[in-house]
Amino acid sequence: MPLTKQFRQTVMARAKADKEFREELIIEATNALLEGDINTGKSLIKDYLNATEAFAAVADQLQKDEKSIRRMLGPSGNPTLKNFIGILQACSSTEHLDLKVCHH
């Protein structure tokens, strides 16, 4: 079921205003990747980048074209592990977030 435009706008507004929410988007994207749910991970990071308007900054940091990053995170995009990890690292660095795997 596709998300409505209103729902996406609500997510974007919350992400812009709430640092903890932005951090959770990155954490959940990372968890999705580790669980093998690449599409959810891509979608969450794309939401983060759209909300923070950070596509250009991440593209510069990774020395990639912004359109390439957008395509990678699109529904039919297939980023390499190196690219996806680079995007996650750039986002977590922006939020001063130190991602680590914890054993429960």
Protein backbone atom coordinates (compact mmCIF):
# COMPACT_ATOMS: atom_id res chain seq x y z
CA MET A 1 0.00 0.00 0.00
CA PRO A 2 1.63 3.28 -1.06
CA LEU A 3 2.00 6.04 1.49
CA THR A 4 -0.11 9.11 1.00
CA LYS A 5 1.44 12.45 0.18
CA GLN A 6 0.06 13.84 3.46
CA PHE A 7 1.74 11.07 5.47
CA ARG A 8 5.10 11.70 3.76
CA GLN A 9 4.76 15.43 4.43
CA THR A 10 4.07 14.69 8.11
CA VAL A 11 7.18 12.50 8.32
CA MET A 12 9.27 15.21 6.63
CA ALA A 13 7.99 17.94 8.95
CA ARG A 14 8.74 15.83 12.04
CA ALA A 15 12.21 14.94 10.80
CA LYS A 16 13.04 18.59 10.20
CA ALA A 17 12.00 19.55 13.73
CA ASP A 18 13.08 16.52 15.79
CA LYS A 19 16.71 15.39 16.01
CA GLU A 20 15.77 12.19 17.86
CA PHE A 21 13.34 11.29 15.07
CA ARG A 22 16.07 11.86 12.45
CA GLU A 23 18.41 9.62 14.43
CA GLU A 24 15.75 6.90 14.58
CA LEU A 25 15.31 7.04 10.81
CA ILE A 26 19.03 6.30 10.43
CA ILE A 27 19.00 3.58 13.10
CA GLU A 28 15.96 1.88 11.61
CA ALA A 29 17.46 2.09 8.11
CA THR A 30 20.60 0.41 9.44
CA ASN A 31 18.58 -2.29 11.22
CA ALA A 32 16.57 -2.92 8.06
CA LEU A 33 19.80 -3.34 6.09
CA LEU A 34 21.18 -5.80 8.66
CA GLU A 35 17.91 -7.77 8.57
CA GLY A 36 18.08 -7.98 4.76
CA ASP A 37 15.20 -5.55 4.13
CA ILE A 38 17.05 -3.31 1.69
CA ASN A 39 13.92 -1.60 0.34
CA THR A 40 12.87 -0.38 3.78
CA GLY A 41 16.41 0.76 4.52
CA LYS A 42 16.58 2.70 1.25
CA SER A 43 13.18 4.27 1.86
CA LEU A 44 14.05 5.41 5.39
CA ILE A 45 17.36 6.94 4.34
CA LYS A 46 15.66 8.62 1.39
CA ASP A 47 13.09 10.11 3.80
CA TYR A 48 15.94 11.33 6.02
CA LEU A 49 17.80 12.90 3.11
CA ASN A 50 14.67 14.56 1.74
CA ALA A 51 13.69 15.94 5.15
CA THR A 52 17.14 17.31 5.88
CA GLU A 53 17.71 18.41 2.29
CA ALA A 54 21.06 16.62 2.49
CA PHE A 55 21.18 14.80 -0.85
CA ALA A 56 23.70 17.27 -2.28
CA ALA A 57 25.92 17.22 0.82
CA VAL A 58 25.99 13.41 0.93
CA ALA A 59 26.70 13.23 -2.80
CA ASP A 60 29.62 15.65 -2.35
CA GLN A 61 30.93 13.69 0.62
CA LEU A 62 30.81 10.44 -1.35
CA GLN A 63 32.09 12.12 -4.53
CA LYS A 64 29.01 10.97 -6.41
CA ASP A 65 26.44 12.73 -8.53
CA GLU A 66 23.32 13.71 -6.56
CA LYS A 67 21.08 12.12 -9.20
CA SER A 68 23.02 8.88 -8.79
CA ILE A 69 22.37 8.87 -5.04
CA ARG A 70 18.67 9.54 -5.67
CA ARG A 71 18.50 6.65 -8.18
CA MET A 72 20.27 4.29 -5.77
CA LEU A 73 17.66 4.98 -3.11
CA GLY A 74 14.70 4.83 -5.49
CA PRO A 75 12.31 1.87 -5.65
CA SER A 76 14.26 0.11 -8.41
CA GLY A 77 17.67 1.32 -7.22
CA ASN A 78 20.29 -1.24 -6.33
CA PRO A 79 23.15 0.44 -4.43
CA THR A 80 26.30 -1.51 -3.79
CA LEU A 81 26.99 -2.31 -0.16
CA LYS A 82 29.88 0.14 -0.26
CA ASN A 83 27.60 2.95 -1.48
CA PHE A 84 24.79 2.16 0.96
CA ILE A 85 27.19 1.99 3.91
CA GLY A 86 28.76 5.26 2.75
CA ILE A 87 25.36 6.92 2.71
CA LEU A 88 24.55 5.59 6.19
CA GLN A 89 27.91 6.80 7.50
CA ALA A 90 27.43 10.26 6.00
CA CYS A 91 23.96 10.57 7.54
CA SER A 92 25.04 9.29 10.95
CA SER A 93 28.05 11.62 10.92
CA THR A 94 25.78 14.59 10.22
CA GLU A 95 23.69 13.71 13.28
CA HIS A 96 26.80 12.90 15.40
CA LEU A 97 25.44 9.38 15.73
CA ASP A 98 27.81 6.47 16.42
CA LEU A 99 26.23 3.31 15.00
CA LYS A 100 27.29 0.01 16.58
CA VAL A 101 25.84 -3.48 16.57
CA CYS A 102 24.75 -4.52 20.06
CA HIS A 103 24.11 -8.07 21.16
CA HIS A 104 20.97 -8.54 23.23
